[in-house]
């Protein structure tokens, strides 16, 4: 038999769990304040014909303009020629000096179709993120993502 205090607690647990599941997703840090203060890496990457997976920015796209934080960071992966995406090859780098590896931060939001990080927290500023990814045949694809976050 449950005592009165335990019974209240027992009844409160499902209500609390429901509230947590129904509420908005918690914000996740994409780029920290410290990282945002590092000097930008404006190096130019070589490019050419690539047979690797296509990496497309869904949001924030170059036409979006200035975005407000938090925002939903979304990228789509598209393999070609009957290949599949090799998620173990994924590398996401914030292009500053020194470069900041964001891969582990984004892994929980990554799947074979892309990256979907809801409520990504980013300080105000201009950003450049590079994504490298291979397909099952070893072909590499890359994306050079530029976006700007405004003040709240």
N, C-alpha and C. Protein backbone atom coordinates (compact mmCIF):
# COMPACT_ATOMS: atom_id res chain seq x y z
N UNK A 1 0.83 -1.17 0.00
CA UNK A 1 0.00 0.00 0.00
C UNK A 1 0.88 1.25 0.00
N UNK A 2 0.55 2.19 -0.89
CA UNK A 2 1.33 3.41 -0.99
C UNK A 2 0.90 4.41 0.08
N UNK A 3 1.87 5.06 0.67
CA UNK A 3 1.52 6.12 1.62
C UNK A 3 1.07 7.34 0.83
N UNK A 4 0.50 8.27 1.53
CA UNK A 4 -0.09 9.44 0.88
C UNK A 4 0.94 10.24 0.05
N UNK A 5 2.15 10.47 0.58
CA UNK A 5 3.19 11.22 -0.12
C UNK A 5 3.65 10.50 -1.39
N UNK A 6 3.85 9.18 -1.27
CA UNK A 6 4.27 8.41 -2.42
C UNK A 6 3.18 8.36 -3.48
N UNK A 7 1.94 8.30 -3.06
CA UNK A 7 0.82 8.26 -4.01
C UNK A 7 0.79 9.55 -4.83
N UNK A 8 0.99 10.69 -4.19
CA UNK A 8 1.02 11.97 -4.92
C UNK A 8 2.17 11.98 -5.92
N UNK A 9 3.33 11.52 -5.46
CA UNK A 9 4.49 11.46 -6.35
C UNK A 9 4.19 10.51 -7.51
N UNK A 10 3.63 9.38 -7.23
CA UNK A 10 3.29 8.39 -8.26
C UNK A 10 2.34 8.98 -9.29
N UNK A 11 1.40 9.80 -8.88
CA UNK A 11 0.45 10.42 -9.80
C UNK A 11 1.09 11.59 -10.56
N UNK A 12 2.09 12.23 -9.96
CA UNK A 12 2.72 13.39 -10.60
C UNK A 12 3.70 12.98 -11.70
N UNK A 13 4.29 11.80 -11.60
CA UNK A 13 5.29 11.37 -12.58
C UNK A 13 4.73 11.35 -14.00
N UNK A 14 3.58 10.71 -14.27
CA UNK A 14 3.07 10.72 -15.66
C UNK A 14 2.75 12.12 -16.16
N UNK A 15 2.25 12.98 -15.31
CA UNK A 15 1.92 14.35 -15.72
C UNK A 15 3.19 15.11 -16.08
N UNK A 16 4.24 14.96 -15.28
CA UNK A 16 5.51 15.62 -15.56
C UNK A 16 6.11 15.09 -16.85
N UNK A 17 6.09 13.80 -17.04
CA UNK A 17 6.63 13.20 -18.27
C UNK A 17 5.87 13.71 -19.49
N UNK A 18 4.58 13.81 -19.41
CA UNK A 18 3.78 14.32 -20.52
C UNK A 18 4.11 15.76 -20.83
N UNK A 19 4.30 16.56 -19.81
CA UNK A 19 4.64 17.97 -20.02
C UNK A 19 6.01 18.12 -20.68
N UNK A 20 6.95 17.30 -20.27
CA UNK A 20 8.28 17.36 -20.86
C UNK A 20 8.26 16.92 -22.32
N UNK A 21 7.51 15.89 -22.62
CA UNK A 21 7.43 15.39 -23.99
C UNK A 21 6.65 16.34 -24.89
N UNK A 22 5.65 17.02 -24.38
CA UNK A 22 4.83 17.90 -25.19
C UNK A 22 5.45 19.27 -25.39
N UNK A 23 6.37 19.67 -24.54
CA UNK A 23 6.97 21.00 -24.62
C UNK A 23 7.91 21.11 -25.80
N UNK A 24 8.32 22.34 -26.12
CA UNK A 24 9.23 22.55 -27.24
C UNK A 24 10.59 21.93 -26.95
N UNK A 25 11.30 21.58 -28.02
CA UNK A 25 12.61 20.98 -27.87
C UNK A 25 13.56 22.00 -27.24
N UNK A 26 14.39 21.53 -26.37
CA UNK A 26 15.35 22.40 -25.71
C UNK A 26 16.37 22.91 -26.73
N UNK A 27 16.87 24.10 -26.49
CA UNK A 27 17.86 24.68 -27.38
C UNK A 27 19.16 23.88 -27.28
N UNK A 28 19.86 23.77 -28.40
CA UNK A 28 21.12 23.06 -28.45
C UNK A 28 22.18 24.00 -29.02
N UNK A 29 23.36 23.99 -28.45
CA UNK A 29 24.41 24.90 -28.89
C UNK A 29 25.08 24.37 -30.15
N UNK A 30 25.01 25.17 -31.21
CA UNK A 30 25.72 24.85 -32.45
C UNK A 30 27.10 25.48 -32.41
N UNK A 31 27.17 26.77 -32.01
CA UNK A 31 28.43 27.49 -31.89
C UNK A 31 28.41 28.27 -30.58
N UNK A 32 29.48 28.14 -29.81
CA UNK A 32 29.54 28.81 -28.51
C UNK A 32 29.97 30.27 -28.65
N UNK A 33 29.78 31.05 -27.59
CA UNK A 33 30.22 32.45 -27.57
C UNK A 33 31.74 32.53 -27.80
N UNK A 34 32.49 31.65 -27.14
CA UNK A 34 33.95 31.64 -27.30
C UNK A 34 34.33 31.37 -28.75
N UNK A 35 33.73 30.36 -29.36
CA UNK A 35 34.05 30.02 -30.75
C UNK A 35 33.70 31.17 -31.70
N UNK A 36 32.61 31.87 -31.41
CA UNK A 36 32.18 32.98 -32.27
C UNK A 36 33.18 34.13 -32.26
N UNK A 37 34.02 34.23 -31.23
CA UNK A 37 35.00 35.31 -31.12
C UNK A 37 36.30 35.02 -31.86
N UNK A 38 36.48 33.78 -32.34
CA UNK A 38 37.72 33.42 -33.04
C UNK A 38 37.77 34.08 -34.42
N UNK A 39 38.97 34.37 -34.93
CA UNK A 39 39.08 35.02 -36.25
C UNK A 39 38.63 34.06 -37.37
N UNK A 40 37.97 34.61 -38.41
CA UNK A 40 37.47 33.75 -39.48
C UNK A 40 38.60 33.19 -40.34
N UNK A 41 38.36 32.01 -40.89
CA UNK A 41 39.26 31.37 -41.85
C UNK A 41 38.63 31.59 -43.22
N UNK A 42 39.20 32.49 -43.99
CA UNK A 42 38.66 32.83 -45.31
C UNK A 42 39.35 32.09 -46.44
N UNK A 43 40.00 30.98 -46.12
CA UNK A 43 40.70 30.22 -47.16
C UNK A 43 39.72 29.75 -48.22
N UNK A 44 40.25 29.61 -49.43
CA UNK A 44 39.43 29.16 -50.56
C UNK A 44 39.72 27.68 -50.78
N UNK A 45 38.67 26.91 -50.92
CA UNK A 45 38.83 25.48 -51.15
C UNK A 45 38.85 25.19 -52.63
N UNK A 46 39.64 24.22 -53.00
CA UNK A 46 39.63 23.79 -54.40
C UNK A 46 38.35 23.02 -54.65
N UNK A 47 37.82 23.20 -55.83
CA UNK A 47 36.63 22.44 -56.18
C UNK A 47 36.75 21.96 -57.61
N UNK A 48 36.00 20.97 -57.92
CA UNK A 48 36.00 20.40 -59.25
C UNK A 48 34.78 19.53 -59.40
N UNK A 49 34.79 18.69 -60.39
CA UNK A 49 33.67 17.78 -60.59
C UNK A 49 33.68 16.74 -59.48
N UNK A 50 32.55 16.62 -58.82
CA UNK A 50 32.43 15.66 -57.71
C UNK A 50 31.37 14.64 -58.04
N UNK A 51 31.66 13.38 -57.73
CA UNK A 51 30.68 12.33 -57.93
C UNK A 51 30.09 11.88 -56.61
N UNK A 52 30.47 12.54 -55.55
CA UNK A 52 30.02 12.16 -54.22
C UNK A 52 28.62 12.63 -53.92
N UNK A 53 28.18 12.42 -52.70
CA UNK A 53 26.83 12.81 -52.31
C UNK A 53 26.64 14.33 -52.37
N UNK A 54 25.42 14.72 -52.70
CA UNK A 54 25.07 16.13 -52.71
C UNK A 54 24.68 16.54 -51.29
N UNK A 55 25.19 17.68 -50.87
CA UNK A 55 24.89 18.22 -49.54
C UNK A 55 24.22 19.57 -49.77
N UNK A 56 22.94 19.66 -49.45
CA UNK A 56 22.16 20.88 -49.71
C UNK A 56 21.71 21.50 -48.40
N UNK A 57 21.90 22.80 -48.30
CA UNK A 57 21.45 23.54 -47.12
C UNK A 57 19.96 23.82 -47.28
N UNK A 58 19.17 23.36 -46.33
CA UNK A 58 17.74 23.64 -46.33
C UNK A 58 17.49 24.94 -45.57
N UNK A 59 18.10 25.06 -44.38
CA UNK A 59 17.97 26.28 -43.59
C UNK A 59 19.16 26.42 -42.65
N UNK A 60 19.82 27.56 -42.59
CA UNK A 60 19.52 28.80 -43.30
C UNK A 60 20.18 28.80 -44.68
N UNK A 61 19.39 28.92 -45.71
CA UNK A 61 19.91 28.94 -47.07
C UNK A 61 20.51 30.31 -47.35
N UNK A 62 21.34 30.42 -48.39
CA UNK A 62 21.96 31.72 -48.71
C UNK A 62 20.92 32.82 -48.98
N UNK A 63 19.73 32.46 -49.42
CA UNK A 63 18.69 33.46 -49.71
C UNK A 63 17.88 33.85 -48.48
N UNK A 64 18.13 33.21 -47.36
CA UNK A 64 17.35 33.47 -46.15
C UNK A 64 17.62 34.86 -45.60
N UNK A 65 18.82 35.34 -45.74
CA UNK A 65 19.20 36.62 -45.13
C UNK A 65 19.61 36.39 -43.68
N UNK A 66 19.48 37.40 -42.87
CA UNK A 66 19.86 37.31 -41.47
C UNK A 66 18.81 36.50 -40.71
N UNK A 67 19.26 35.51 -39.93
CA UNK A 67 18.36 34.69 -39.14
C UNK A 67 18.49 35.06 -37.66
N UNK A 68 17.51 34.66 -36.89
CA UNK A 68 17.53 34.88 -35.44
C UNK A 68 17.77 33.55 -34.74
N UNK A 69 18.55 33.58 -33.68
CA UNK A 69 18.83 32.39 -32.90
C UNK A 69 17.81 32.30 -31.76
N UNK A 70 17.34 31.12 -31.44
CA UNK A 70 17.65 29.82 -32.05
C UNK A 70 16.88 29.62 -33.36
N UNK A 71 17.44 28.77 -34.20
CA UNK A 71 16.82 28.43 -35.48
C UNK A 71 17.02 26.95 -35.74
N UNK A 72 16.27 26.40 -36.68
CA UNK A 72 16.41 25.00 -37.04
C UNK A 72 17.47 24.86 -38.13
N UNK A 73 18.61 24.26 -37.78
CA UNK A 73 19.70 24.03 -38.72
C UNK A 73 19.39 22.74 -39.47
N UNK A 74 19.15 22.84 -40.80
CA UNK A 74 18.76 21.67 -41.58
C UNK A 74 19.58 21.56 -42.86
N UNK A 75 20.13 20.37 -43.06
CA UNK A 75 20.94 20.07 -44.24
C UNK A 75 20.45 18.73 -44.78
N UNK A 76 20.40 18.61 -46.11
CA UNK A 76 19.93 17.38 -46.75
C UNK A 76 21.08 16.69 -47.46
N UNK A 77 21.16 15.34 -47.31
CA UNK A 77 22.16 14.53 -48.00
C UNK A 77 21.46 13.74 -49.10
N UNK A 78 22.07 13.70 -50.30
CA UNK A 78 21.49 12.94 -51.41
C UNK A 78 22.59 12.13 -52.08
N UNK A 79 22.59 10.79 -51.90
CA UNK A 79 23.59 9.97 -52.58
C UNK A 79 23.23 9.81 -54.07
N UNK A 80 24.21 9.39 -54.87
CA UNK A 80 23.99 9.21 -56.30
C UNK A 80 24.47 7.83 -56.75
N UNK A 81 23.92 7.37 -57.86
CA UNK A 81 24.40 6.14 -58.50
C UNK A 81 24.24 4.88 -57.67
N UNK A 82 23.19 4.78 -56.90
CA UNK A 82 22.95 3.57 -56.12
C UNK A 82 23.79 3.43 -54.87
N UNK A 83 24.51 4.48 -54.50
CA UNK A 83 25.33 4.42 -53.29
C UNK A 83 24.48 4.82 -52.08
N UNK A 84 25.05 4.67 -50.92
CA UNK A 84 24.42 5.11 -49.68
C UNK A 84 25.35 6.08 -48.97
N UNK A 85 24.80 6.83 -48.04
CA UNK A 85 25.58 7.81 -47.27
C UNK A 85 26.39 7.07 -46.20
N UNK A 86 27.67 7.40 -46.08
CA UNK A 86 28.54 6.85 -45.04
C UNK A 86 28.61 7.86 -43.90
N UNK A 87 27.73 7.71 -42.91
CA UNK A 87 27.67 8.67 -41.81
C UNK A 87 28.95 8.70 -40.97
N UNK A 88 29.72 7.61 -40.99
CA UNK A 88 30.97 7.59 -40.23
C UNK A 88 32.01 8.53 -40.82
N UNK A 89 31.82 8.94 -42.09
CA UNK A 89 32.77 9.83 -42.74
C UNK A 89 32.43 11.30 -42.54
N UNK A 90 31.30 11.59 -41.91
CA UNK A 90 30.85 12.97 -41.75
C UNK A 90 31.83 13.80 -40.92
N UNK A 91 32.18 14.98 -41.44
CA UNK A 91 32.99 15.95 -40.73
C UNK A 91 32.33 17.31 -40.91
N UNK A 92 32.07 18.01 -39.80
CA UNK A 92 31.48 19.34 -39.82
C UNK A 92 32.45 20.27 -39.10
N UNK A 93 32.89 21.32 -39.79
CA UNK A 93 33.90 22.21 -39.25
C UNK A 93 33.44 23.66 -39.33
N UNK A 94 33.55 24.37 -38.21
CA UNK A 94 33.32 25.80 -38.18
C UNK A 94 34.64 26.43 -38.61
N UNK A 95 34.63 27.19 -39.71
CA UNK A 95 35.85 27.71 -40.32
C UNK A 95 36.31 29.00 -39.65
N UNK A 96 37.07 28.82 -38.59
CA UNK A 96 37.74 29.90 -37.87
C UNK A 96 39.17 29.42 -37.61
N UNK A 97 39.99 30.31 -37.05
CA UNK A 97 41.37 29.93 -36.75
C UNK A 97 41.53 29.92 -35.23
N UNK A 98 41.78 28.76 -34.63
CA UNK A 98 41.88 27.44 -35.24
C UNK A 98 40.48 26.88 -35.54
N UNK A 99 40.42 26.00 -36.53
CA UNK A 99 39.16 25.38 -36.94
C UNK A 99 38.52 24.65 -35.76
N UNK A 100 37.17 24.72 -35.70
CA UNK A 100 36.43 24.08 -34.61
C UNK A 100 35.61 22.92 -35.17
N UNK A 101 35.86 21.72 -34.67
CA UNK A 101 35.15 20.53 -35.13
C UNK A 101 33.79 20.46 -34.43
N UNK A 102 32.72 20.54 -35.22
CA UNK A 102 31.35 20.49 -34.70
C UNK A 102 30.71 19.12 -34.88
N UNK A 103 31.47 18.17 -35.41
CA UNK A 103 30.91 16.87 -35.77
C UNK A 103 30.22 16.18 -34.60
N UNK A 104 30.89 16.08 -33.46
CA UNK A 104 30.29 15.37 -32.32
C UNK A 104 29.05 16.09 -31.80
N UNK A 105 29.05 17.42 -31.91
CA UNK A 105 27.90 18.21 -31.47
C UNK A 105 26.67 17.95 -32.35
N UNK A 106 26.92 17.65 -33.64
CA UNK A 106 25.82 17.46 -34.59
C UNK A 106 25.43 15.99 -34.78
N UNK A 107 26.27 15.06 -34.35
CA UNK A 107 25.98 13.62 -34.54
C UNK A 107 24.59 13.21 -34.03
N UNK A 108 24.15 13.68 -32.86
CA UNK A 108 22.82 13.25 -32.39
C UNK A 108 21.67 13.71 -33.29
N UNK A 109 21.93 14.68 -34.15
CA UNK A 109 20.89 15.24 -35.01
C UNK A 109 21.05 14.78 -36.47
N UNK A 110 21.95 13.83 -36.69
CA UNK A 110 22.30 13.39 -38.04
C UNK A 110 21.70 12.03 -38.34
N UNK A 111 21.21 11.89 -39.57
CA UNK A 111 20.68 10.62 -40.06
C UNK A 111 21.05 10.51 -41.53
N UNK A 112 20.73 9.41 -42.18
CA UNK A 112 21.13 9.17 -43.57
C UNK A 112 20.60 10.23 -44.53
N UNK A 113 19.50 10.89 -44.19
CA UNK A 113 18.93 11.92 -45.07
C UNK A 113 19.52 13.31 -44.82
N UNK A 114 20.19 13.53 -43.69
CA UNK A 114 20.76 14.85 -43.42
C UNK A 114 20.90 15.16 -41.96
N UNK A 115 20.92 16.45 -41.67
CA UNK A 115 21.06 16.96 -40.30
C UNK A 115 19.83 17.81 -40.00
N UNK A 116 19.23 17.58 -38.84
CA UNK A 116 18.08 18.36 -38.39
C UNK A 116 18.27 18.71 -36.92
N UNK A 117 18.90 19.84 -36.69
CA UNK A 117 19.13 20.32 -35.32
C UNK A 117 18.11 21.42 -35.03
N UNK A 118 17.13 21.10 -34.22
CA UNK A 118 16.11 22.09 -33.86
C UNK A 118 16.65 23.01 -32.77
N UNK A 119 16.23 24.26 -32.84
CA UNK A 119 16.58 25.26 -31.82
C UNK A 119 18.09 25.40 -31.64
N UNK A 120 18.82 25.50 -32.77
CA UNK A 120 20.27 25.68 -32.72
C UNK A 120 20.60 27.07 -32.20
N UNK A 121 21.38 27.11 -31.14
CA UNK A 121 21.80 28.38 -30.53
C UNK A 121 23.13 28.82 -31.15
N UNK A 122 23.14 30.05 -31.66
CA UNK A 122 24.33 30.63 -32.27
C UNK A 122 24.36 32.12 -31.90
N UNK A 123 25.50 32.64 -31.40
CA UNK A 123 25.58 34.07 -31.11
C UNK A 123 25.45 34.90 -32.39
N UNK A 124 25.15 36.17 -32.26
CA UNK A 124 25.07 37.05 -33.42
C UNK A 124 26.42 37.10 -34.12
N UNK A 125 26.40 37.12 -35.45
CA UNK A 125 27.63 37.20 -36.23
C UNK A 125 27.50 36.50 -37.56
N UNK A 126 28.60 36.50 -38.32
CA UNK A 126 28.66 35.83 -39.63
C UNK A 126 29.42 34.52 -39.47
N UNK A 127 28.92 33.48 -40.12
CA UNK A 127 29.47 32.14 -39.93
C UNK A 127 29.71 31.42 -41.24
N UNK A 128 30.71 30.53 -41.20
CA UNK A 128 31.02 29.65 -42.32
C UNK A 128 31.26 28.26 -41.76
N UNK A 129 30.47 27.31 -42.24
CA UNK A 129 30.59 25.92 -41.81
C UNK A 129 30.83 25.05 -43.03
N UNK A 130 31.80 24.15 -42.92
CA UNK A 130 32.10 23.20 -43.99
C UNK A 130 31.62 21.81 -43.58
N UNK A 131 30.97 21.14 -44.52
CA UNK A 131 30.54 19.76 -44.29
C UNK A 131 31.19 18.88 -45.34
N UNK A 132 31.83 17.81 -44.90
CA UNK A 132 32.42 16.81 -45.79
C UNK A 132 31.75 15.48 -45.48
N UNK A 133 31.47 14.73 -46.54
CA UNK A 133 30.74 13.47 -46.39
C UNK A 133 31.09 12.55 -47.56
N UNK A 134 31.21 11.27 -47.29
CA UNK A 134 31.47 10.28 -48.35
C UNK A 134 30.27 9.37 -48.53
N UNK A 135 30.22 8.76 -49.71
CA UNK A 135 29.20 7.74 -49.95
C UNK A 135 29.85 6.36 -49.81
N UNK A 136 29.05 5.32 -50.01
CA UNK A 136 29.55 3.95 -49.82
C UNK A 136 30.62 3.57 -50.83
N UNK A 137 30.76 4.32 -51.93
CA UNK A 137 31.80 4.06 -52.92
C UNK A 137 33.06 4.87 -52.63
N UNK A 138 33.05 5.68 -51.57
CA UNK A 138 34.21 6.48 -51.20
C UNK A 138 34.28 7.84 -51.87
N UNK A 139 33.27 8.21 -52.66
CA UNK A 139 33.24 9.53 -53.29
C UNK A 139 32.87 10.57 -52.25
N UNK A 140 33.59 11.70 -52.28
CA UNK A 140 33.36 12.74 -51.28
C UNK A 140 32.52 13.89 -51.83
N UNK A 141 31.62 14.38 -51.00
CA UNK A 141 30.85 15.58 -51.29
C UNK A 141 31.17 16.61 -50.22
N UNK A 142 30.98 17.88 -50.56
CA UNK A 142 31.25 18.93 -49.59
C UNK A 142 30.27 20.07 -49.77
N UNK A 143 30.06 20.80 -48.70
CA UNK A 143 29.22 22.00 -48.73
C UNK A 143 29.91 23.09 -47.94
N UNK A 144 29.89 24.29 -48.48
CA UNK A 144 30.45 25.48 -47.84
C UNK A 144 29.28 26.36 -47.48
N UNK A 145 28.91 26.39 -46.21
CA UNK A 145 27.69 27.06 -45.75
C UNK A 145 28.03 28.40 -45.12
N UNK A 146 27.39 29.44 -45.60
CA UNK A 146 27.56 30.79 -45.06
C UNK A 146 26.21 31.28 -44.56
N UNK A 147 26.18 31.86 -43.36
CA UNK A 147 24.94 32.46 -42.86
C UNK A 147 25.29 33.52 -41.82
N UNK A 148 24.30 34.36 -41.55
CA UNK A 148 24.47 35.43 -40.57
C UNK A 148 23.34 35.38 -39.57
N UNK A 149 23.70 35.54 -38.31
CA UNK A 149 22.72 35.56 -37.20
C UNK A 149 22.68 36.98 -36.67
N UNK A 150 21.46 37.54 -36.54
CA UNK A 150 21.29 38.90 -36.04
C UNK A 150 21.12 38.93 -34.54
N UNK A 151 21.17 40.12 -33.99
CA UNK A 151 20.93 40.31 -32.56
C UNK A 151 19.47 40.09 -32.25
N UNK A 152 19.18 39.59 -31.07
CA UNK A 152 17.80 39.32 -30.67
C UNK A 152 17.07 40.59 -30.36
